[in-house]
């Protein structure tokens, strides 16, 4: 998935693979090059994106592994 709009065009790649024991491993990669004034805040933006991704993935994992009613 990608976006070319805004000050921070970015591409996100999701990869899924079978894991030992019948599980699934997901790899997430974000790539982008800030332009203009966005370059100044790029390090802080990268940290915020990693934190948000980690939180989202922890929530997704909890949902997927929750016992079914």
PDB file of N, CA and C in Angstrom:
ATOM      1  N   UNK A   1       0.863  -1.146   0.000  1.00  0.00           N
ATOM      2  CA  UNK A   1       0.000   0.000   0.000  1.00  0.00           C
ATOM      3  C   UNK A   1       0.911   1.209   0.000  1.00  0.00           C
ATOM      4  N   UNK A   2       0.488   2.268  -0.673  1.00  0.00           N
ATOM      5  CA  UNK A   2       1.335   3.455  -0.733  1.00  0.00           C
ATOM      6  C   UNK A   2       0.489   4.707  -0.882  1.00  0.00           C
ATOM      7  N   UNK A   3       1.126   5.828  -0.567  1.00  0.00           N
ATOM      8  CA  UNK A   3       0.500   7.119  -0.765  1.00  0.00           C
ATOM      9  C   UNK A   3       1.545   8.070  -1.328  1.00  0.00           C
ATOM     10  N   UNK A   4       1.144   8.866  -2.274  1.00  0.00           N
ATOM     11  CA  UNK A   4       2.036   9.866  -2.854  1.00  0.00           C
ATOM     12  C   UNK A   4       1.583  11.263  -2.459  1.00  0.00           C
ATOM     13  N   UNK A   5       0.515  11.341  -1.694  1.00  0.00           N
ATOM     14  CA  UNK A   5      -0.055  12.624  -1.287  1.00  0.00           C
ATOM     15  C   UNK A   5       0.609  13.137  -0.024  1.00  0.00           C
ATOM     16  N   UNK A   6       0.545  14.432   0.176  1.00  0.00           N
ATOM     17  CA  UNK A   6       1.010  15.044   1.415  1.00  0.00           C
ATOM     18  C   UNK A   6       2.513  15.197   1.491  1.00  0.00           C
ATOM     19  N   UNK A   7       2.978  15.670   2.628  1.00  0.00           N
ATOM     20  CA  UNK A   7       4.398  15.968   2.792  1.00  0.00           C
ATOM     21  C   UNK A   7       5.264  14.741   3.063  1.00  0.00           C
ATOM     22  N   UNK A   8       4.638  13.602   3.303  1.00  0.00           N
ATOM     23  CA  UNK A   8       5.391  12.406   3.667  1.00  0.00           C
ATOM     24  C   UNK A   8       4.903  11.207   2.863  1.00  0.00           C
ATOM     25  N   UNK A   9       5.199  11.154   1.541  1.00  0.00           N
ATOM     26  CA  UNK A   9       4.795   9.994   0.749  1.00  0.00           C
ATOM     27  C   UNK A   9       5.443   8.734   1.316  1.00  0.00           C
ATOM     28  N   UNK A  10       4.699   7.642   1.323  1.00  0.00           N
ATOM     29  CA  UNK A  10       5.171   6.457   2.013  1.00  0.00           C
ATOM     30  C   UNK A  10       4.640   5.197   1.347  1.00  0.00           C
ATOM     31  N   UNK A  11       5.387   4.114   1.513  1.00  0.00           N
ATOM     32  CA  UNK A  11       4.971   2.790   1.040  1.00  0.00           C
ATOM     33  C   UNK A  11       5.015   1.839   2.225  1.00  0.00           C
ATOM     34  N   UNK A  12       3.958   1.074   2.421  1.00  0.00           N
ATOM     35  CA  UNK A  12       3.881   0.085   3.494  1.00  0.00           C
ATOM     36  C   UNK A  12       3.744  -1.291   2.867  1.00  0.00           C
ATOM     37  N   UNK A  13       4.574  -2.227   3.336  1.00  0.00           N
ATOM     38  CA  UNK A  13       4.550  -3.595   2.826  1.00  0.00           C
ATOM     39  C   UNK A  13       4.260  -4.550   3.972  1.00  0.00           C
ATOM     40  N   UNK A  14       3.302  -5.428   3.777  1.00  0.00           N
ATOM     41  CA  UNK A  14       2.967  -6.476   4.739  1.00  0.00           C
ATOM     42  C   UNK A  14       3.358  -7.810   4.119  1.00  0.00           C
ATOM     43  N   UNK A  15       4.063  -8.649   4.873  1.00  0.00           N
ATOM     44  CA  UNK A  15       4.410  -9.994   4.427  1.00  0.00           C
ATOM     45  C   UNK A  15       3.910 -10.989   5.463  1.00  0.00           C
ATOM     46  N   UNK A  16       3.306 -12.066   4.991  1.00  0.00           N
ATOM     47  CA  UNK A  16       2.764 -13.084   5.874  1.00  0.00           C
ATOM     48  C   UNK A  16       3.446 -14.418   5.550  1.00  0.00           C
ATOM     49  N   UNK A  17       3.802 -15.197   6.590  1.00  0.00           N
ATOM     50  CA  UNK A  17       4.450 -16.493   6.382  1.00  0.00           C
ATOM     51  C   UNK A  17       4.003 -17.465   7.472  1.00  0.00           C
ATOM     52  N   UNK A  18       3.976 -18.740   7.103  1.00  0.00           N
ATOM     53  CA  UNK A  18       3.674 -19.771   8.085  1.00  0.00           C
ATOM     54  C   UNK A  18       4.796 -19.822   9.111  1.00  0.00           C
ATOM     55  N   UNK A  19       4.431 -20.004  10.370  1.00  0.00           N
ATOM     56  CA  UNK A  19       5.402 -20.113  11.459  1.00  0.00           C
ATOM     57  C   UNK A  19       5.326 -21.513  12.047  1.00  0.00           C
ATOM     58  N   UNK A  20       6.402 -21.964  12.677  1.00  0.00           N
ATOM     59  CA  UNK A  20       6.364 -23.282  13.318  1.00  0.00           C
ATOM     60  C   UNK A  20       5.219 -23.368  14.326  1.00  0.00           C
ATOM     61  N   UNK A  21       4.638 -24.517  14.439  1.00  0.00           N
ATOM     62  CA  UNK A  21       3.561 -24.720  15.400  1.00  0.00           C
ATOM     63  C   UNK A  21       2.198 -24.289  14.897  1.00  0.00           C
ATOM     64  N   UNK A  22       2.096 -23.975  13.614  1.00  0.00           N
ATOM     65  CA  UNK A  22       0.802 -23.627  13.041  1.00  0.00           C
ATOM     66  C   UNK A  22       0.447 -22.157  13.128  1.00  0.00           C
ATOM     67  N   UNK A  23       1.363 -21.319  13.566  1.00  0.00           N
ATOM     68  CA  UNK A  23       1.087 -19.890  13.649  1.00  0.00           C
ATOM     69  C   UNK A  23       1.410 -19.164  12.357  1.00  0.00           C
ATOM     70  N   UNK A  24       1.340 -17.868  12.404  1.00  0.00           N
ATOM     71  CA  UNK A  24       1.645 -17.016  11.257  1.00  0.00           C
ATOM     72  C   UNK A  24       2.550 -15.880  11.717  1.00  0.00           C
ATOM     73  N   UNK A  25       3.546 -15.578  10.907  1.00  0.00           N
ATOM     74  CA  UNK A  25       4.435 -14.448  11.174  1.00  0.00           C
ATOM     75  C   UNK A  25       4.111 -13.347  10.180  1.00  0.00           C
ATOM     76  N   UNK A  26       3.942 -12.133  10.692  1.00  0.00           N
ATOM     77  CA  UNK A  26       3.687 -10.993   9.823  1.00  0.00           C
ATOM     78  C   UNK A  26       4.841 -10.015   9.963  1.00  0.00           C
ATOM     79  N   UNK A  27       5.328  -9.532   8.830  1.00  0.00           N
ATOM     80  CA  UNK A  27       6.385  -8.525   8.818  1.00  0.00           C
ATOM     81  C   UNK A  27       5.807  -7.268   8.189  1.00  0.00           C
ATOM     82  N   UNK A  28       6.068  -6.144   8.827  1.00  0.00           N
ATOM     83  CA  UNK A  28       5.570  -4.849   8.364  1.00  0.00           C
ATOM     84  C   UNK A  28       6.760  -3.945   8.110  1.00  0.00           C
ATOM     85  N   UNK A  29       6.774  -3.313   6.935  1.00  0.00           N
ATOM     86  CA  UNK A  29       7.865  -2.391   6.612  1.00  0.00           C
ATOM     87  C   UNK A  29       7.285  -1.109   6.043  1.00  0.00           C
ATOM     88  N   UNK A  30       7.692   0.009   6.614  1.00  0.00           N
ATOM     89  CA  UNK A  30       7.309   1.328   6.100  1.00  0.00           C
ATOM     90  C   UNK A  30       8.547   1.980   5.515  1.00  0.00           C
ATOM     91  N   UNK A  31       8.390   2.536   4.315  1.00  0.00           N
ATOM     92  CA  UNK A  31       9.479   3.267   3.675  1.00  0.00           C
ATOM     93  C   UNK A  31       8.934   4.580   3.158  1.00  0.00           C
ATOM     94  N   UNK A  32       9.737   5.612   3.277  1.00  0.00           N
ATOM     95  CA  UNK A  32       9.319   6.898   2.754  1.00  0.00           C
ATOM     96  C   UNK A  32      10.434   7.912   2.846  1.00  0.00           C
ATOM     97  N   UNK A  33      10.330   8.930   2.044  1.00  0.00           N
ATOM     98  CA  UNK A  33      11.286  10.030   2.041  1.00  0.00           C
ATOM     99  C   UNK A  33      10.525  11.328   2.258  1.00  0.00           C
ATOM    100  N   UNK A  34      10.709  11.947   3.404  1.00  0.00           N
ATOM    101  CA  UNK A  34      10.033  13.217   3.635  1.00  0.00           C
ATOM    102  C   UNK A  34      10.587  14.288   2.689  1.00  0.00           C
ATOM    103  N   UNK A  35       9.751  15.224   2.353  1.00  0.00           N
ATOM    104  CA  UNK A  35      10.190  16.310   1.486  1.00  0.00           C
ATOM    105  C   UNK A  35       9.937  17.647   2.167  1.00  0.00           C
ATOM    106  N   UNK A  36      10.663  18.646   1.734  1.00  0.00           N
ATOM    107  CA  UNK A  36      10.464  19.991   2.266  1.00  0.00           C
ATOM    108  C   UNK A  36      10.665  20.070   3.764  1.00  0.00           C
ATOM    109  N   UNK A  37       9.794  20.811   4.411  1.00  0.00           N
ATOM    110  CA  UNK A  37       9.899  21.049   5.855  1.00  0.00           C
ATOM    111  C   UNK A  37       9.754  19.756   6.661  1.00  0.00           C
ATOM    112  N   UNK A  38       9.108  18.751   6.094  1.00  0.00           N
ATOM    113  CA  UNK A  38       8.896  17.481   6.803  1.00  0.00           C
ATOM    114  C   UNK A  38      10.207  16.802   7.169  1.00  0.00           C
ATOM    115  N   UNK A  39      11.278  17.114   6.449  1.00  0.00           N
ATOM    116  CA  UNK A  39      12.575  16.498   6.758  1.00  0.00           C
ATOM    117  C   UNK A  39      13.034  16.840   8.170  1.00  0.00           C
ATOM    118  N   UNK A  40      12.692  18.014   8.647  1.00  0.00           N
ATOM    119  CA  UNK A  40      13.102  18.440   9.983  1.00  0.00           C
ATOM    120  C   UNK A  40      12.498  17.518  11.043  1.00  0.00           C
ATOM    121  N   UNK A  41      11.251  17.158  10.883  1.00  0.00           N
ATOM    122  CA  UNK A  41      10.556  16.327  11.868  1.00  0.00           C
ATOM    123  C   UNK A  41      10.616  14.844  11.584  1.00  0.00           C
ATOM    124  N   UNK A  42      11.344  14.422  10.548  1.00  0.00           N
ATOM    125  CA  UNK A  42      11.374  13.013  10.149  1.00  0.00           C
ATOM    126  C   UNK A  42      11.789  12.065  11.275  1.00  0.00           C
ATOM    127  N   UNK A  43      12.841  12.354  12.047  1.00  0.00           N
ATOM    128  CA  UNK A  43      13.203  11.421  13.125  1.00  0.00           C
ATOM    129  C   UNK A  43      12.088  11.245  14.166  1.00  0.00           C
ATOM    130  N   UNK A  44      11.435  12.330  14.517  1.00  0.00           N
ATOM    131  CA  UNK A  44      10.330  12.232  15.483  1.00  0.00           C
ATOM    132  C   UNK A  44       9.140  11.497  14.870  1.00  0.00           C
ATOM    133  N   UNK A  45       8.885  11.743  13.589  1.00  0.00           N
ATOM    134  CA  UNK A  45       7.795  11.064  12.890  1.00  0.00           C
ATOM    135  C   UNK A  45       8.060   9.560  12.824  1.00  0.00           C
ATOM    136  N   UNK A  46       9.288   9.165  12.565  1.00  0.00           N
ATOM    137  CA  UNK A  46       9.635   7.746  12.487  1.00  0.00           C
ATOM    138  C   UNK A  46       9.395   7.068  13.834  1.00  0.00           C
ATOM    139  N   UNK A  47       9.789   7.726  14.914  1.00  0.00           N
ATOM    140  CA  UNK A  47       9.570   7.171  16.255  1.00  0.00           C
ATOM    141  C   UNK A  47       8.081   7.047  16.553  1.00  0.00           C
ATOM    142  N   UNK A  48       7.314   8.066  16.216  1.00  0.00           N
ATOM    143  CA  UNK A  48       5.863   8.034  16.449  1.00  0.00           C
ATOM    144  C   UNK A  48       5.204   6.937  15.612  1.00  0.00           C
ATOM    145  N   UNK A  49       5.656   6.755  14.374  1.00  0.00           N
ATOM    146  CA  UNK A  49       5.091   5.712  13.517  1.00  0.00           C
ATOM    147  C   UNK A  49       5.394   4.327  14.075  1.00  0.00           C
ATOM    148  N   UNK A  50       6.631   4.111  14.545  1.00  0.00           N
ATOM    149  CA  UNK A  50       6.971   2.808  15.127  1.00  0.00           C
ATOM    150  C   UNK A  50       6.108   2.521  16.350  1.00  0.00           C
ATOM    151  N   UNK A  51       5.923   3.530  17.197  1.00  0.00           N
ATOM    152  CA  UNK A  51       5.095   3.361  18.403  1.00  0.00           C
ATOM    153  C   UNK A  51       3.645   3.045  18.024  1.00  0.00           C
ATOM    154  N   UNK A  52       3.101   3.769  17.056  1.00  0.00           N
ATOM    155  CA  UNK A  52       1.716   3.539  16.623  1.00  0.00           C
ATOM    156  C   UNK A  52       1.574   2.162  15.980  1.00  0.00           C
ATOM    157  N   UNK A  53       2.539   1.770  15.150  1.00  0.00           N
ATOM    158  CA  UNK A  53       2.488   0.439  14.525  1.00  0.00           C
ATOM    159  C   UNK A  53       2.537  -0.656  15.574  1.00  0.00           C
ATOM    160  N   UNK A  54       3.446  -0.509  16.547  1.00  0.00           N
ATOM    161  CA  UNK A  54       3.568  -1.518  17.595  1.00  0.00           C
ATOM    162  C   UNK A  54       2.252  -1.656  18.364  1.00  0.00           C
ATOM    163  N   UNK A  55       1.651  -0.535  18.708  1.00  0.00           N
ATOM    164  CA  UNK A  55       0.380  -0.548  19.445  1.00  0.00           C
ATOM    165  C   UNK A  55      -0.725  -1.204  18.610  1.00  0.00           C
ATOM    166  N   UNK A  56      -0.818  -0.836  17.335  1.00  0.00           N
ATOM    167  CA  UNK A  56      -1.830  -1.418  16.460  1.00  0.00           C
ATOM    168  C   UNK A  56      -1.637  -2.924  16.312  1.00  0.00           C
ATOM    169  N   UNK A  57      -0.385  -3.357  16.142  1.00  0.00           N
ATOM    170  CA  UNK A  57      -0.117  -4.787  15.961  1.00  0.00           C
ATOM    171  C   UNK A  57      -0.357  -5.578  17.235  1.00  0.00           C
ATOM    172  N   UNK A  58      -0.058  -4.997  18.396  1.00  0.00           N
ATOM    173  CA  UNK A  58      -0.371  -5.676  19.661  1.00  0.00           C
ATOM    174  C   UNK A  58      -1.876  -5.860  19.803  1.00  0.00           C
ATOM    175  N   UNK A  59      -2.635  -4.848  19.422  1.00  0.00           N
ATOM    176  CA  UNK A  59      -4.105  -4.938  19.495  1.00  0.00           C
ATOM    177  C   UNK A  59      -4.631  -5.983  18.510  1.00  0.00           C
ATOM    178  N   UNK A  60      -4.091  -5.996  17.297  1.00  0.00           N
ATOM    179  CA  UNK A  60      -4.498  -6.989  16.300  1.00  0.00           C
ATOM    180  C   UNK A  60      -4.189  -8.393  16.799  1.00  0.00           C
ATOM    181  N   UNK A  61      -3.028  -8.595  17.365  1.00  0.00           N
ATOM    182  CA  UNK A  61      -2.641  -9.907  17.903  1.00  0.00           C
ATOM    183  C   UNK A  61      -3.615 -10.340  18.985  1.00  0.00           C
ATOM    184  N   UNK A  62      -3.965  -9.430  19.889  1.00  0.00           N
ATOM    185  CA  UNK A  62      -4.904  -9.750  20.962  1.00  0.00           C
ATOM    186  C   UNK A  62      -6.274 -10.155  20.399  1.00  0.00           C
ATOM    187  N   UNK A  63      -6.722  -9.451  19.388  1.00  0.00           N
ATOM    188  CA  UNK A  63      -8.011  -9.770  18.768  1.00  0.00           C
ATOM    189  C   UNK A  63      -7.961 -11.133  18.110  1.00  0.00           C
ATOM    190  N   UNK A  64      -6.900 -11.396  17.345  1.00  0.00           N
ATOM    191  CA  UNK A  64      -6.806 -12.656  16.619  1.00  0.00           C
ATOM    192  C   UNK A  64      -6.616 -13.863  17.542  1.00  0.00           C
ATOM    193  N   UNK A  65      -5.979 -13.648  18.692  1.00  0.00           N
ATOM    194  CA  UNK A  65      -5.725 -14.759  19.596  1.00  0.00           C
ATOM    195  C   UNK A  65      -6.748 -14.894  20.712  1.00  0.00           C
ATOM    196  N   UNK A  66      -7.727 -14.012  20.760  1.00  0.00           N
ATOM    197  CA  UNK A  66      -8.756 -14.069  21.795  1.00  0.00           C
ATOM    198  C   UNK A  66      -9.632 -15.311  21.603  1.00  0.00           C
ATOM    199  N   UNK A  67     -10.034 -15.912  22.720  1.00  0.00           N
ATOM    200  CA  UNK A  67     -10.960 -17.057  22.603  1.00  0.00           C
ATOM    201  C   UNK A  67     -12.255 -16.618  21.943  1.00  0.00           C
ATOM    202  N   UNK A  68     -12.791 -17.471  21.146  1.00  0.00           N
ATOM    203  CA  UNK A  68     -14.065 -17.157  20.479  1.00  0.00           C
ATOM    204  C   UNK A  68     -15.226 -17.471  21.390  1.00  0.00           C
ATOM    205  N   UNK A  69     -16.223 -16.629  21.334  1.00  0.00           N
ATOM    206  CA  UNK A  69     -17.404 -16.810  22.187  1.00  0.00           C
ATOM    207  C   UNK A  69     -18.354 -17.841  21.609  1.00  0.00           C
TER     208      UNK A  69
END
